[in-house]
Amino acid sequence: MAGYGNDGVDLTELTLGPPGVNARKARRARRNGQLPSSSASMQAFVKVSMDGTPYLRKVDVAAYDDYGELVEALNEMFCCCSIGLMDGYGEWEHAVVYEDGDGDWMLVGDVPWEMFVTSCKRMRVMRSCEARGLSSNA
């Protein structure tokens, strides 16, 4: 099919609608003779809300290595030191829950880290007393 301009974009790419960021990155990499970026540089941004705060934050969960780092970052983000995992090892004022791909709310820390990163759609920091019903060991 005919090209459009000198950028090597196929006309069919332009008529199918605006490509997403990943399509543009892949096309740019092909043009420069590179392979598209691997999943190691994957970004997984999710919105985080905290009960009692009037604002949301956005977090790249793929940027962290484990739950401990994520909780530490959430404590810094919300200027708080009472956020923790409901793992039975501490009494925390706030617990972190997340919505998975099926729309179910689950406690952060209940599944392996890699599964959490791929399935997390959004997170909520809620009072621990409200999150106890979601606990698998409650």
N, C-alpha and C. Protein backbone atom coordinates (compact mmCIF):
# COMPACT_ATOMS: atom_id res chain seq x y z
N MET A 1 0.83 -1.17 0.00
CA MET A 1 0.00 0.00 0.00
C MET A 1 0.88 1.24 0.00
N ALA A 2 0.35 2.35 -0.41
CA ALA A 2 1.11 3.59 -0.53
C ALA A 2 1.54 4.10 0.84
N GLY A 3 2.74 4.67 0.87
CA GLY A 3 3.23 5.27 2.11
C GLY A 3 2.71 6.68 2.28
N TYR A 4 2.87 7.20 3.47
CA TYR A 4 2.40 8.56 3.77
C TYR A 4 3.59 9.36 4.24
N GLY A 5 4.06 10.28 3.44
CA GLY A 5 5.22 11.08 3.82
C GLY A 5 6.50 10.27 3.76
N ASN A 6 7.52 10.74 4.44
CA ASN A 6 8.82 10.08 4.45
C ASN A 6 9.06 9.28 5.72
N ASP A 7 8.05 9.12 6.56
CA ASP A 7 8.28 8.44 7.82
C ASP A 7 8.09 6.93 7.74
N GLY A 8 7.74 6.39 6.59
CA GLY A 8 7.61 4.96 6.43
C GLY A 8 6.33 4.38 7.00
N VAL A 9 5.36 5.22 7.30
CA VAL A 9 4.10 4.75 7.85
C VAL A 9 3.23 4.28 6.70
N ASP A 10 2.70 3.08 6.82
CA ASP A 10 1.82 2.52 5.81
C ASP A 10 0.46 3.22 5.89
N LEU A 11 -0.18 3.43 4.76
CA LEU A 11 -1.46 4.12 4.72
C LEU A 11 -2.51 3.36 5.52
N THR A 12 -2.42 2.03 5.55
CA THR A 12 -3.39 1.25 6.32
C THR A 12 -3.28 1.54 7.80
N GLU A 13 -2.08 1.84 8.29
CA GLU A 13 -1.91 2.18 9.70
C GLU A 13 -2.64 3.47 10.04
N LEU A 14 -2.69 4.39 9.08
CA LEU A 14 -3.33 5.67 9.34
C LEU A 14 -4.85 5.59 9.27
N THR A 15 -5.38 4.70 8.47
CA THR A 15 -6.83 4.62 8.31
C THR A 15 -7.49 3.75 9.37
N LEU A 16 -6.72 2.97 10.11
CA LEU A 16 -7.30 2.09 11.12
C LEU A 16 -7.52 2.80 12.46
N GLY A 17 -7.18 4.03 12.56
CA GLY A 17 -7.37 4.76 13.81
C GLY A 17 -6.03 5.09 14.42
N PRO A 18 -6.04 5.92 15.43
CA PRO A 18 -4.77 6.34 16.03
C PRO A 18 -4.13 5.19 16.80
N PRO A 19 -2.87 4.89 16.49
CA PRO A 19 -2.20 3.82 17.22
C PRO A 19 -1.86 4.28 18.63
N GLY A 20 -1.74 3.33 19.53
CA GLY A 20 -1.37 3.64 20.90
C GLY A 20 0.11 3.92 21.02
N VAL A 21 0.52 4.24 22.21
CA VAL A 21 1.93 4.55 22.47
C VAL A 21 2.81 3.36 22.13
N ASN A 22 2.37 2.15 22.47
CA ASN A 22 3.19 0.97 22.19
C ASN A 22 3.39 0.76 20.70
N ALA A 23 2.36 1.03 19.90
CA ALA A 23 2.50 0.88 18.45
C ALA A 23 3.49 1.90 17.90
N ARG A 24 3.45 3.11 18.41
CA ARG A 24 4.40 4.14 17.96
C ARG A 24 5.82 3.77 18.34
N LYS A 25 6.01 3.26 19.56
CA LYS A 25 7.35 2.86 20.00
C LYS A 25 7.88 1.72 19.13
N ALA A 26 7.02 0.74 18.85
CA ALA A 26 7.43 -0.40 18.03
C ALA A 26 7.79 0.04 16.62
N ARG A 27 6.99 0.94 16.03
CA ARG A 27 7.25 1.43 14.69
C ARG A 27 8.56 2.22 14.65
N ARG A 28 8.78 3.04 15.67
CA ARG A 28 10.02 3.83 15.74
C ARG A 28 11.22 2.90 15.87
N ALA A 29 11.09 1.83 16.67
CA ALA A 29 12.18 0.88 16.85
C ALA A 29 12.46 0.14 15.55
N ARG A 30 11.40 -0.25 14.81
CA ARG A 30 11.60 -0.93 13.52
C ARG A 30 12.33 -0.01 12.55
N ARG A 31 11.95 1.26 12.54
CA ARG A 31 12.56 2.22 11.63
C ARG A 31 14.03 2.40 11.94
N ASN A 32 14.39 2.36 13.22
CA ASN A 32 15.78 2.54 13.63
C ASN A 32 16.57 1.24 13.61
N GLY A 33 15.91 0.13 13.21
CA GLY A 33 16.60 -1.15 13.12
C GLY A 33 16.79 -1.83 14.46
N GLN A 34 16.00 -1.47 15.46
CA GLN A 34 16.10 -2.08 16.78
C GLN A 34 14.91 -3.00 17.00
N LEU A 35 15.06 -3.88 17.96
CA LEU A 35 13.94 -4.72 18.37
C LEU A 35 13.05 -3.90 19.30
N PRO A 36 11.75 -4.13 19.29
CA PRO A 36 10.88 -3.44 20.24
C PRO A 36 11.31 -3.74 21.67
N SER A 37 11.03 -2.80 22.56
CA SER A 37 11.47 -2.94 23.95
C SER A 37 10.86 -4.19 24.58
N SER A 38 11.62 -4.81 25.45
CA SER A 38 11.18 -6.07 26.07
C SER A 38 10.24 -5.80 27.23
N SER A 39 9.73 -6.87 27.81
CA SER A 39 8.80 -6.74 28.93
C SER A 39 9.54 -6.31 30.19
N ALA A 40 10.88 -6.32 30.17
CA ALA A 40 11.62 -5.88 31.34
C ALA A 40 11.39 -4.39 31.59
N SER A 41 11.10 -3.64 30.53
CA SER A 41 10.84 -2.22 30.70
C SER A 41 9.34 -1.94 30.71
N MET A 42 8.55 -2.97 31.01
CA MET A 42 7.10 -2.85 31.05
C MET A 42 6.68 -1.87 32.15
N GLN A 43 5.68 -1.08 31.86
CA GLN A 43 5.12 -0.18 32.85
C GLN A 43 3.70 -0.61 33.14
N ALA A 44 3.33 -0.57 34.41
CA ALA A 44 1.98 -0.96 34.81
C ALA A 44 1.45 0.10 35.77
N PHE A 45 0.97 1.22 35.23
CA PHE A 45 0.46 2.30 36.06
C PHE A 45 -0.96 1.98 36.50
N VAL A 46 -1.22 2.16 37.79
CA VAL A 46 -2.56 1.98 38.34
C VAL A 46 -2.87 3.18 39.25
N LYS A 47 -4.15 3.49 39.36
CA LYS A 47 -4.58 4.57 40.24
C LYS A 47 -4.69 4.03 41.67
N VAL A 48 -4.30 4.88 42.62
CA VAL A 48 -4.37 4.52 44.03
C VAL A 48 -5.17 5.59 44.75
N SER A 49 -6.19 5.16 45.49
CA SER A 49 -6.95 6.09 46.31
C SER A 49 -6.77 5.70 47.77
N MET A 50 -6.87 6.69 48.65
CA MET A 50 -6.78 6.42 50.09
C MET A 50 -8.01 7.00 50.74
N ASP A 51 -8.67 6.18 51.56
CA ASP A 51 -9.85 6.66 52.27
C ASP A 51 -9.51 7.90 53.09
N GLY A 52 -10.32 8.93 52.94
CA GLY A 52 -10.11 10.16 53.70
C GLY A 52 -9.29 11.21 52.99
N THR A 53 -8.74 10.88 51.82
CA THR A 53 -7.98 11.87 51.05
C THR A 53 -8.77 12.25 49.80
N PRO A 54 -8.74 13.52 49.42
CA PRO A 54 -9.54 13.96 48.27
C PRO A 54 -8.84 13.82 46.92
N TYR A 55 -7.72 13.11 46.86
CA TYR A 55 -6.97 13.01 45.62
C TYR A 55 -6.55 11.57 45.36
N LEU A 56 -6.23 11.30 44.10
CA LEU A 56 -5.72 10.00 43.68
C LEU A 56 -4.25 10.13 43.32
N ARG A 57 -3.55 9.04 43.36
CA ARG A 57 -2.16 8.98 42.90
C ARG A 57 -2.07 7.90 41.84
N LYS A 58 -1.04 7.97 41.03
CA LYS A 58 -0.79 6.94 40.03
C LYS A 58 0.56 6.31 40.34
N VAL A 59 0.59 4.98 40.35
CA VAL A 59 1.80 4.25 40.72
C VAL A 59 2.13 3.25 39.63
N ASP A 60 3.41 3.15 39.30
CA ASP A 60 3.88 2.12 38.37
C ASP A 60 4.29 0.92 39.21
N VAL A 61 3.40 -0.07 39.34
CA VAL A 61 3.69 -1.22 40.21
C VAL A 61 4.84 -2.07 39.67
N ALA A 62 5.08 -2.02 38.37
CA ALA A 62 6.17 -2.80 37.78
C ALA A 62 7.54 -2.23 38.15
N ALA A 63 7.58 -1.01 38.67
CA ALA A 63 8.85 -0.38 39.03
C ALA A 63 9.38 -0.89 40.37
N TYR A 64 8.58 -1.62 41.11
CA TYR A 64 8.98 -2.13 42.41
C TYR A 64 9.30 -3.62 42.32
N ASP A 65 10.10 -4.10 43.26
CA ASP A 65 10.53 -5.50 43.24
C ASP A 65 9.67 -6.41 44.10
N ASP A 66 9.00 -5.83 45.11
CA ASP A 66 8.19 -6.66 45.99
C ASP A 66 7.16 -5.80 46.72
N TYR A 67 6.35 -6.47 47.53
CA TYR A 67 5.29 -5.76 48.25
C TYR A 67 5.84 -4.76 49.26
N GLY A 68 6.95 -5.09 49.89
CA GLY A 68 7.55 -4.20 50.89
C GLY A 68 7.90 -2.84 50.31
N GLU A 69 8.53 -2.85 49.13
CA GLU A 69 8.88 -1.59 48.47
C GLU A 69 7.64 -0.80 48.09
N LEU A 70 6.61 -1.49 47.62
CA LEU A 70 5.38 -0.82 47.23
C LEU A 70 4.72 -0.14 48.43
N VAL A 71 4.62 -0.85 49.54
CA VAL A 71 3.99 -0.29 50.74
C VAL A 71 4.81 0.89 51.27
N GLU A 72 6.12 0.78 51.23
CA GLU A 72 6.99 1.88 51.66
C GLU A 72 6.75 3.12 50.80
N ALA A 73 6.63 2.92 49.49
CA ALA A 73 6.37 4.04 48.58
C ALA A 73 4.99 4.66 48.84
N LEU A 74 3.99 3.82 49.13
CA LEU A 74 2.65 4.34 49.43
C LEU A 74 2.66 5.16 50.72
N ASN A 75 3.42 4.73 51.71
CA ASN A 75 3.54 5.50 52.95
C ASN A 75 4.14 6.87 52.68
N GLU A 76 5.15 6.94 51.83
CA GLU A 76 5.77 8.22 51.48
C GLU A 76 4.82 9.08 50.65
N MET A 77 4.11 8.45 49.72
CA MET A 77 3.21 9.16 48.83
C MET A 77 2.07 9.85 49.57
N PHE A 78 1.51 9.15 50.53
CA PHE A 78 0.37 9.68 51.27
C PHE A 78 0.78 10.30 52.60
N CYS A 79 2.09 10.55 52.79
CA CYS A 79 2.61 11.18 54.02
C CYS A 79 2.06 10.47 55.26
N CYS A 80 2.29 9.21 55.33
CA CYS A 80 1.68 8.38 56.35
C CYS A 80 2.69 7.31 56.74
N CYS A 81 2.55 6.74 57.91
CA CYS A 81 3.41 5.61 58.27
C CYS A 81 2.58 4.46 58.83
N SER A 82 1.29 4.48 58.54
CA SER A 82 0.40 3.46 59.11
C SER A 82 -0.14 2.50 58.06
N ILE A 83 0.45 2.49 56.85
CA ILE A 83 0.00 1.57 55.80
C ILE A 83 0.86 0.32 55.87
N GLY A 84 0.22 -0.84 55.87
CA GLY A 84 0.96 -2.09 55.92
C GLY A 84 0.18 -3.21 55.28
N LEU A 85 0.81 -4.37 55.21
CA LEU A 85 0.17 -5.56 54.66
C LEU A 85 -0.56 -6.29 55.77
N MET A 86 -1.70 -6.84 55.46
CA MET A 86 -2.47 -7.60 56.45
C MET A 86 -1.99 -9.05 56.44
N ASP A 87 -0.75 -9.25 56.90
CA ASP A 87 -0.15 -10.58 56.88
C ASP A 87 -0.10 -11.22 58.26
N GLY A 88 -0.68 -10.57 59.25
CA GLY A 88 -0.70 -11.13 60.59
C GLY A 88 0.52 -10.79 61.42
N TYR A 89 1.48 -10.05 60.87
CA TYR A 89 2.70 -9.74 61.60
C TYR A 89 2.70 -8.36 62.24
N GLY A 90 1.70 -7.58 61.99
CA GLY A 90 1.66 -6.25 62.57
C GLY A 90 0.27 -5.68 62.57
N GLU A 91 0.03 -4.77 63.45
CA GLU A 91 -1.26 -4.08 63.49
C GLU A 91 -1.10 -2.75 62.78
N TRP A 92 -1.70 -2.63 61.63
CA TRP A 92 -1.61 -1.42 60.83
C TRP A 92 -2.95 -0.71 60.83
N GLU A 93 -2.90 0.59 60.75
CA GLU A 93 -4.14 1.38 60.71
C GLU A 93 -4.80 1.28 59.34
N HIS A 94 -3.98 1.15 58.29
CA HIS A 94 -4.49 1.06 56.92
C HIS A 94 -3.95 -0.18 56.23
N ALA A 95 -4.77 -0.76 55.36
CA ALA A 95 -4.36 -1.91 54.55
C ALA A 95 -4.58 -1.56 53.09
N VAL A 96 -3.84 -2.24 52.22
CA VAL A 96 -3.93 -1.98 50.78
C VAL A 96 -4.68 -3.14 50.13
N VAL A 97 -5.70 -2.78 49.34
CA VAL A 97 -6.44 -3.77 48.57
C VAL A 97 -6.35 -3.37 47.10
N TYR A 98 -6.61 -4.33 46.22
CA TYR A 98 -6.54 -4.03 44.78
C TYR A 98 -7.67 -4.73 44.06
N GLU A 99 -8.01 -4.17 42.90
CA GLU A 99 -9.02 -4.77 42.04
C GLU A 99 -8.28 -5.54 40.94
N ASP A 100 -8.65 -6.80 40.78
CA ASP A 100 -8.00 -7.61 39.75
C ASP A 100 -8.78 -7.54 38.44
N GLY A 101 -8.36 -8.29 37.47
CA GLY A 101 -8.98 -8.26 36.14
C GLY A 101 -10.43 -8.71 36.13
N ASP A 102 -10.84 -9.50 37.13
CA ASP A 102 -12.22 -9.98 37.20
C ASP A 102 -13.13 -9.01 37.94
N GLY A 103 -12.56 -7.93 38.48
CA GLY A 103 -13.36 -6.97 39.24
C GLY A 103 -13.48 -7.30 40.71
N ASP A 104 -12.73 -8.30 41.18
CA ASP A 104 -12.76 -8.68 42.60
C ASP A 104 -11.74 -7.86 43.37
N TRP A 105 -12.09 -7.46 44.60
CA TRP A 105 -11.17 -6.74 45.47
C TRP A 105 -10.45 -7.76 46.34
N MET A 106 -9.13 -7.69 46.35
CA MET A 106 -8.30 -8.64 47.11
C MET A 106 -7.26 -7.88 47.90
N LEU A 107 -6.75 -8.51 48.96
CA LEU A 107 -5.69 -7.90 49.75
C LEU A 107 -4.37 -7.95 49.00
N VAL A 108 -3.63 -6.87 49.05
CA VAL A 108 -2.29 -6.85 48.48
C VAL A 108 -1.43 -7.77 49.32
N GLY A 109 -0.75 -8.69 48.68
CA GLY A 109 0.10 -9.65 49.37
C GLY A 109 -0.47 -11.06 49.37
N ASP A 110 -1.70 -11.22 48.90
CA ASP A 110 -2.32 -12.55 48.89
C ASP A 110 -1.88 -13.43 47.73
N VAL A 111 -1.34 -12.85 46.68
CA VAL A 111 -0.88 -13.62 45.52
C VAL A 111 0.59 -13.31 45.27
N PRO A 112 1.30 -14.15 44.54
CA PRO A 112 2.71 -13.86 44.22
C PRO A 112 2.85 -12.52 43.51
N TRP A 113 3.98 -11.86 43.70
CA TRP A 113 4.22 -10.52 43.20
C TRP A 113 4.00 -10.41 41.69
N GLU A 114 4.52 -11.34 40.91
CA GLU A 114 4.41 -11.26 39.45
C GLU A 114 2.94 -11.31 39.01
N MET A 115 2.16 -12.13 39.68
CA MET A 115 0.74 -12.23 39.36
C MET A 115 0.03 -10.93 39.72
N PHE A 116 0.42 -10.33 40.83
CA PHE A 116 -0.16 -9.06 41.25
C PHE A 116 0.11 -7.96 40.22
N VAL A 117 1.34 -7.87 39.75
CA VAL A 117 1.72 -6.82 38.80
C VAL A 117 0.91 -6.93 37.51
N THR A 118 0.66 -8.14 37.04
CA THR A 118 -0.07 -8.31 35.79
C THR A 118 -1.58 -8.19 35.95
N SER A 119 -2.11 -8.43 37.15
CA SER A 119 -3.56 -8.43 37.31
C SER A 119 -4.13 -7.20 38.00
N CYS A 120 -3.29 -6.35 38.59
CA CYS A 120 -3.77 -5.19 39.34
C CYS A 120 -4.30 -4.12 38.39
N LYS A 121 -5.55 -3.70 38.60
CA LYS A 121 -6.17 -2.66 37.78
C LYS A 121 -6.23 -1.33 38.52
N ARG A 122 -6.45 -1.35 39.83
CA ARG A 122 -6.40 -0.16 40.67
C ARG A 122 -6.25 -0.60 42.11
N MET A 123 -5.80 0.33 42.98
CA MET A 123 -5.59 0.01 44.38
C MET A 123 -6.33 1.01 45.26
N ARG A 124 -6.61 0.56 46.47
CA ARG A 124 -7.28 1.41 47.45
C ARG A 124 -6.63 1.16 48.81
N VAL A 125 -6.30 2.24 49.50
CA VAL A 125 -5.79 2.14 50.86
C VAL A 125 -6.98 2.40 51.78
N MET A 126 -7.37 1.38 52.54
CA MET A 126 -8.57 1.50 53.38
C MET A 126 -8.23 1.18 54.83
N ARG A 127 -9.14 1.50 55.71
CA ARG A 127 -8.96 1.19 57.13
C ARG A 127 -8.83 -0.32 57.30
N SER A 128 -7.95 -0.75 58.16
CA SER A 128 -7.71 -2.18 58.36
C SER A 128 -8.95 -2.91 58.84
N CYS A 129 -9.75 -2.24 59.66
CA CYS A 129 -10.94 -2.91 60.18
C CYS A 129 -11.93 -3.22 59.05
N GLU A 130 -11.94 -2.41 57.99
CA GLU A 130 -12.81 -2.67 56.85
C GLU A 130 -12.23 -3.76 55.94
N ALA A 131 -10.92 -3.89 55.93
CA ALA A 131 -10.27 -4.85 55.03
C ALA A 131 -10.21 -6.25 55.61
N ARG A 132 -10.53 -6.42 56.87
CA ARG A 132 -10.41 -7.74 57.50
C ARG A 132 -11.29 -8.78 56.82
N GLY A 133 -12.42 -8.39 56.27
CA GLY A 133 -13.30 -9.34 55.60
C GLY A 133 -12.72 -9.89 54.30
N LEU A 134 -11.73 -9.19 53.75
CA LEU A 134 -11.10 -9.64 52.50
C LEU A 134 -9.95 -10.60 52.76
N SER A 135 -9.52 -10.68 54.01
CA SER A 135 -8.34 -11.47 54.34
C SER A 135 -8.59 -12.96 54.15
N SER A 136 -7.61 -13.65 53.58
CA SER A 136 -7.72 -15.09 53.38
C SER A 136 -7.48 -15.84 54.68
N ASN A 137 -6.86 -15.17 55.66
CA ASN A 137 -6.59 -15.83 56.95
C ASN A 137 -7.33 -15.16 58.09
N ALA A 138 -8.47 -14.53 57.78
CA ALA A 138 -9.25 -13.87 58.84
C ALA A 138 -10.19 -14.84 59.51
